[in-house]
């Protein structure tokens, strides 16, 4: 990704992207939809922000995981989050 296309991200957005990247059921396409950061950008961000061992563990975890790639998911699953998950607004879980 070139410097021109790289979105400017706040610390809170970076934290949320890392959280979404670690979630098993959040596809890379959801991150790109919300933050404009493609899979390669997420990998670059994770490499930069995580310790080496954490990055390697994450890469091993998400490599070839069907739930992290929309094209590998069950075609009946069209959502970015679990239907039972509470509403999220402004990247914060609503009060319970």
N, C-alpha and C. Protein backbone atom coordinates (compact mmCIF):
# COMPACT_ATOMS: atom_id res chain seq x y z
N UNK A 1 0.84 -1.17 0.00
CA UNK A 1 0.00 0.00 0.00
C UNK A 1 0.88 1.23 0.00
N UNK A 2 0.56 2.17 -0.82
CA UNK A 2 1.36 3.38 -0.87
C UNK A 2 0.91 4.36 0.20
N UNK A 3 1.74 5.35 0.48
CA UNK A 3 1.42 6.33 1.51
C UNK A 3 0.17 7.13 1.15
N UNK A 4 -0.12 7.27 -0.14
CA UNK A 4 -1.30 8.02 -0.57
C UNK A 4 -2.59 7.31 -0.19
N UNK A 5 -2.63 5.99 -0.30
CA UNK A 5 -3.86 5.25 -0.05
C UNK A 5 -4.00 4.79 1.40
N UNK A 6 -2.98 4.93 2.20
CA UNK A 6 -3.03 4.49 3.58
C UNK A 6 -3.89 5.46 4.40
N UNK A 7 -4.98 4.96 5.01
CA UNK A 7 -5.82 5.85 5.80
C UNK A 7 -5.11 6.27 7.09
N UNK A 8 -5.37 7.50 7.53
CA UNK A 8 -4.83 7.98 8.79
C UNK A 8 -5.70 7.40 9.91
N UNK A 9 -5.09 6.66 10.80
CA UNK A 9 -5.84 5.99 11.86
C UNK A 9 -5.48 6.55 13.22
N UNK A 10 -6.48 6.70 14.07
CA UNK A 10 -6.25 7.14 15.44
C UNK A 10 -5.83 5.93 16.28
N UNK A 11 -5.35 6.18 17.47
CA UNK A 11 -4.95 5.09 18.38
C UNK A 11 -6.15 4.20 18.70
N UNK A 12 -7.32 4.80 18.86
CA UNK A 12 -8.53 4.03 19.16
C UNK A 12 -8.91 3.14 17.97
N UNK A 13 -8.76 3.65 16.75
CA UNK A 13 -9.06 2.86 15.57
C UNK A 13 -8.07 1.70 15.42
N UNK A 14 -6.81 1.96 15.69
CA UNK A 14 -5.79 0.90 15.62
C UNK A 14 -6.12 -0.19 16.63
N UNK A 15 -6.49 0.20 17.85
CA UNK A 15 -6.88 -0.78 18.86
C UNK A 15 -8.06 -1.62 18.40
N UNK A 16 -9.05 -0.96 17.79
CA UNK A 16 -10.24 -1.68 17.32
C UNK A 16 -9.90 -2.63 16.18
N UNK A 17 -9.03 -2.21 15.27
CA UNK A 17 -8.62 -3.07 14.17
C UNK A 17 -7.90 -4.31 14.70
N UNK A 18 -7.01 -4.12 15.67
CA UNK A 18 -6.31 -5.26 16.27
C UNK A 18 -7.31 -6.20 16.93
N UNK A 19 -8.27 -5.64 17.65
CA UNK A 19 -9.30 -6.45 18.29
C UNK A 19 -10.10 -7.25 17.25
N UNK A 20 -10.50 -6.59 16.16
CA UNK A 20 -11.27 -7.26 15.11
C UNK A 20 -10.43 -8.32 14.42
N UNK A 21 -9.13 -8.05 14.23
CA UNK A 21 -8.25 -9.02 13.57
C UNK A 21 -8.10 -10.28 14.41
N UNK A 22 -8.10 -10.15 15.74
CA UNK A 22 -7.97 -11.31 16.62
C UNK A 22 -9.26 -12.10 16.72
N UNK A 23 -10.41 -11.46 16.46
CA UNK A 23 -11.70 -12.15 16.56
C UNK A 23 -11.81 -13.20 15.44
N UNK A 24 -12.22 -14.39 15.80
CA UNK A 24 -12.31 -15.47 14.83
C UNK A 24 -13.35 -15.22 13.75
N UNK A 25 -14.46 -14.65 14.10
CA UNK A 25 -15.56 -14.54 13.16
C UNK A 25 -15.66 -13.20 12.44
N UNK A 26 -14.68 -12.33 12.61
CA UNK A 26 -14.69 -11.06 11.91
C UNK A 26 -13.81 -11.18 10.67
N UNK A 27 -14.41 -11.14 9.47
CA UNK A 27 -13.60 -11.29 8.25
C UNK A 27 -12.80 -10.02 7.96
N UNK A 28 -11.74 -10.19 7.19
CA UNK A 28 -10.92 -9.04 6.80
C UNK A 28 -11.75 -8.02 6.01
N UNK A 29 -12.75 -8.51 5.30
CA UNK A 29 -13.60 -7.61 4.53
C UNK A 29 -14.37 -6.65 5.43
N UNK A 30 -14.71 -7.08 6.64
CA UNK A 30 -15.40 -6.20 7.58
C UNK A 30 -14.48 -5.08 8.04
N UNK A 31 -13.22 -5.40 8.24
CA UNK A 31 -12.24 -4.38 8.63
C UNK A 31 -12.05 -3.39 7.48
N UNK A 32 -11.97 -3.91 6.27
CA UNK A 32 -11.81 -3.03 5.11
C UNK A 32 -13.04 -2.15 4.93
N UNK A 33 -14.23 -2.71 5.12
CA UNK A 33 -15.47 -1.95 4.99
C UNK A 33 -15.53 -0.82 6.01
N UNK A 34 -15.15 -1.12 7.25
CA UNK A 34 -15.25 -0.13 8.32
C UNK A 34 -14.10 0.88 8.33
N UNK A 35 -12.88 0.43 8.02
CA UNK A 35 -11.71 1.30 8.17
C UNK A 35 -10.96 1.58 6.87
N UNK A 36 -11.36 0.93 5.77
CA UNK A 36 -10.68 1.14 4.49
C UNK A 36 -9.30 0.52 4.42
N UNK A 37 -9.05 -0.48 5.24
CA UNK A 37 -7.74 -1.12 5.32
C UNK A 37 -7.86 -2.56 4.80
N UNK A 38 -7.28 -2.87 3.64
CA UNK A 38 -7.38 -4.24 3.10
C UNK A 38 -6.58 -5.23 3.94
N UNK A 39 -6.72 -6.51 3.62
CA UNK A 39 -6.05 -7.56 4.38
C UNK A 39 -4.55 -7.32 4.49
N UNK A 40 -3.91 -6.93 3.39
CA UNK A 40 -2.47 -6.68 3.42
C UNK A 40 -2.13 -5.54 4.37
N UNK A 41 -2.99 -4.54 4.45
CA UNK A 41 -2.79 -3.43 5.38
C UNK A 41 -2.95 -3.85 6.82
N UNK A 42 -3.92 -4.77 7.06
CA UNK A 42 -4.12 -5.29 8.42
C UNK A 42 -2.89 -6.08 8.85
N UNK A 43 -2.35 -6.89 7.95
CA UNK A 43 -1.15 -7.67 8.25
C UNK A 43 0.01 -6.74 8.57
N UNK A 44 0.17 -5.70 7.78
CA UNK A 44 1.24 -4.72 8.01
C UNK A 44 1.07 -4.01 9.36
N UNK A 45 -0.17 -3.63 9.67
CA UNK A 45 -0.46 -2.97 10.95
C UNK A 45 -0.17 -3.92 12.12
N UNK A 46 -0.61 -5.16 12.00
CA UNK A 46 -0.38 -6.14 13.07
C UNK A 46 1.11 -6.38 13.27
N UNK A 47 1.85 -6.48 12.18
CA UNK A 47 3.30 -6.68 12.27
C UNK A 47 3.95 -5.50 13.00
N UNK A 48 3.49 -4.31 12.71
CA UNK A 48 4.06 -3.09 13.30
C UNK A 48 3.67 -2.92 14.77
N UNK A 49 2.44 -3.26 15.12
CA UNK A 49 1.91 -2.96 16.45
C UNK A 49 2.10 -4.07 17.49
N UNK A 50 2.23 -5.31 17.03
CA UNK A 50 2.36 -6.42 17.98
C UNK A 50 3.81 -6.82 18.18
N UNK A 51 4.06 -7.49 19.31
CA UNK A 51 5.37 -8.11 19.50
C UNK A 51 5.51 -9.20 18.46
N UNK A 52 6.73 -9.53 18.13
CA UNK A 52 6.98 -10.53 17.08
C UNK A 52 6.28 -11.85 17.38
N UNK A 53 6.40 -12.33 18.62
CA UNK A 53 5.78 -13.61 18.96
C UNK A 53 4.25 -13.54 18.86
N UNK A 54 3.67 -12.41 19.24
CA UNK A 54 2.22 -12.24 19.14
C UNK A 54 1.79 -12.19 17.69
N UNK A 55 2.57 -11.49 16.86
CA UNK A 55 2.25 -11.42 15.44
C UNK A 55 2.31 -12.81 14.81
N UNK A 56 3.36 -13.56 15.12
CA UNK A 56 3.49 -14.91 14.56
C UNK A 56 2.35 -15.81 15.01
N UNK A 57 1.93 -15.71 16.26
CA UNK A 57 0.81 -16.50 16.77
C UNK A 57 -0.48 -16.12 16.04
N UNK A 58 -0.67 -14.81 15.83
CA UNK A 58 -1.86 -14.34 15.12
C UNK A 58 -1.88 -14.84 13.68
N UNK A 59 -0.73 -14.74 12.99
CA UNK A 59 -0.66 -15.18 11.59
C UNK A 59 -0.96 -16.67 11.47
N UNK A 60 -0.40 -17.45 12.40
CA UNK A 60 -0.66 -18.88 12.38
C UNK A 60 -2.14 -19.16 12.60
N UNK A 61 -2.75 -18.38 13.47
CA UNK A 61 -4.16 -18.55 13.80
C UNK A 61 -5.10 -18.22 12.64
N UNK A 62 -4.81 -17.14 11.91
CA UNK A 62 -5.75 -16.69 10.87
C UNK A 62 -5.46 -17.26 9.49
N UNK A 63 -4.29 -17.83 9.27
CA UNK A 63 -3.95 -18.37 7.96
C UNK A 63 -4.91 -19.49 7.60
N UNK A 64 -5.55 -19.35 6.44
CA UNK A 64 -6.51 -20.32 5.92
C UNK A 64 -7.73 -20.56 6.81
N UNK A 65 -8.01 -19.65 7.70
CA UNK A 65 -9.21 -19.77 8.54
C UNK A 65 -10.40 -19.30 7.71
N UNK A 66 -11.37 -20.16 7.53
CA UNK A 66 -12.51 -19.85 6.66
C UNK A 66 -13.30 -18.64 7.16
N UNK A 67 -13.38 -18.45 8.46
CA UNK A 67 -14.19 -17.35 8.97
C UNK A 67 -13.53 -15.98 8.80
N UNK A 68 -12.23 -15.93 8.49
CA UNK A 68 -11.55 -14.66 8.32
C UNK A 68 -11.60 -14.16 6.88
N UNK A 69 -12.13 -14.96 5.96
CA UNK A 69 -12.19 -14.59 4.55
C UNK A 69 -13.61 -14.80 4.05
N UNK A 70 -14.23 -13.75 3.59
CA UNK A 70 -15.63 -13.82 3.17
C UNK A 70 -15.85 -14.87 2.08
N UNK A 71 -14.91 -15.01 1.15
CA UNK A 71 -15.10 -15.96 0.05
C UNK A 71 -15.01 -17.41 0.52
N UNK A 72 -14.43 -17.66 1.68
CA UNK A 72 -14.34 -19.02 2.22
C UNK A 72 -15.49 -19.36 3.16
N UNK A 73 -16.27 -18.36 3.54
CA UNK A 73 -17.36 -18.57 4.50
C UNK A 73 -18.53 -19.27 3.85
N UNK A 74 -19.39 -19.81 4.68
CA UNK A 74 -20.64 -20.38 4.23
C UNK A 74 -21.44 -19.28 3.53
N UNK A 75 -21.94 -19.51 2.34
CA UNK A 75 -22.65 -18.46 1.61
C UNK A 75 -23.88 -17.91 2.33
N UNK A 76 -24.42 -18.66 3.28
CA UNK A 76 -25.58 -18.19 4.02
C UNK A 76 -25.22 -17.12 5.05
N UNK A 77 -23.95 -16.98 5.39
CA UNK A 77 -23.51 -16.00 6.37
C UNK A 77 -23.17 -14.71 5.64
N UNK A 78 -24.02 -13.71 5.77
CA UNK A 78 -23.82 -12.44 5.07
C UNK A 78 -23.54 -11.29 6.03
N UNK A 79 -23.43 -11.57 7.31
CA UNK A 79 -23.25 -10.50 8.30
C UNK A 79 -21.79 -10.43 8.73
N UNK A 80 -21.42 -9.33 9.37
CA UNK A 80 -20.06 -9.15 9.88
C UNK A 80 -19.95 -9.54 11.34
N UNK A 81 -21.09 -9.69 12.02
CA UNK A 81 -21.03 -10.03 13.43
C UNK A 81 -22.10 -11.06 13.74
N UNK A 82 -21.95 -11.69 14.86
CA UNK A 82 -22.90 -12.69 15.29
C UNK A 82 -24.28 -12.06 15.50
N UNK A 83 -25.32 -12.77 15.16
CA UNK A 83 -26.68 -12.24 15.33
C UNK A 83 -27.01 -12.06 16.81
N UNK A 84 -26.32 -12.79 17.68
CA UNK A 84 -26.58 -12.68 19.12
C UNK A 84 -25.72 -11.62 19.80
N UNK A 85 -24.79 -11.02 19.07
CA UNK A 85 -23.91 -10.01 19.65
C UNK A 85 -24.70 -8.73 19.92
N UNK A 86 -24.42 -8.10 21.06
CA UNK A 86 -25.09 -6.85 21.38
C UNK A 86 -24.71 -5.77 20.38
N UNK A 87 -25.58 -4.80 20.27
CA UNK A 87 -25.31 -3.70 19.36
C UNK A 87 -24.02 -2.98 19.74
N UNK A 88 -23.27 -2.60 18.75
CA UNK A 88 -22.04 -1.84 18.97
C UNK A 88 -22.21 -0.49 18.31
N UNK A 89 -21.97 0.58 19.05
CA UNK A 89 -22.06 1.92 18.47
C UNK A 89 -20.79 2.67 18.79
N UNK A 90 -20.23 3.32 17.79
CA UNK A 90 -18.99 4.06 17.93
C UNK A 90 -17.89 3.19 18.54
N UNK A 91 -17.87 1.91 18.12
CA UNK A 91 -16.86 0.94 18.56
C UNK A 91 -16.88 0.66 20.05
N UNK A 92 -17.99 0.95 20.70
CA UNK A 92 -18.13 0.64 22.12
C UNK A 92 -19.37 -0.22 22.29
N UNK A 93 -19.28 -1.19 23.15
CA UNK A 93 -20.46 -2.03 23.42
C UNK A 93 -21.45 -1.20 24.20
N UNK A 94 -22.69 -1.23 23.75
CA UNK A 94 -23.71 -0.43 24.43
C UNK A 94 -23.89 -0.90 25.85
N UNK A 95 -24.38 0.00 26.70
CA UNK A 95 -24.56 -0.32 28.12
C UNK A 95 -25.51 -1.47 28.28
N UNK A 96 -25.22 -2.29 29.28
CA UNK A 96 -26.04 -3.50 29.50
C UNK A 96 -27.12 -3.23 30.49
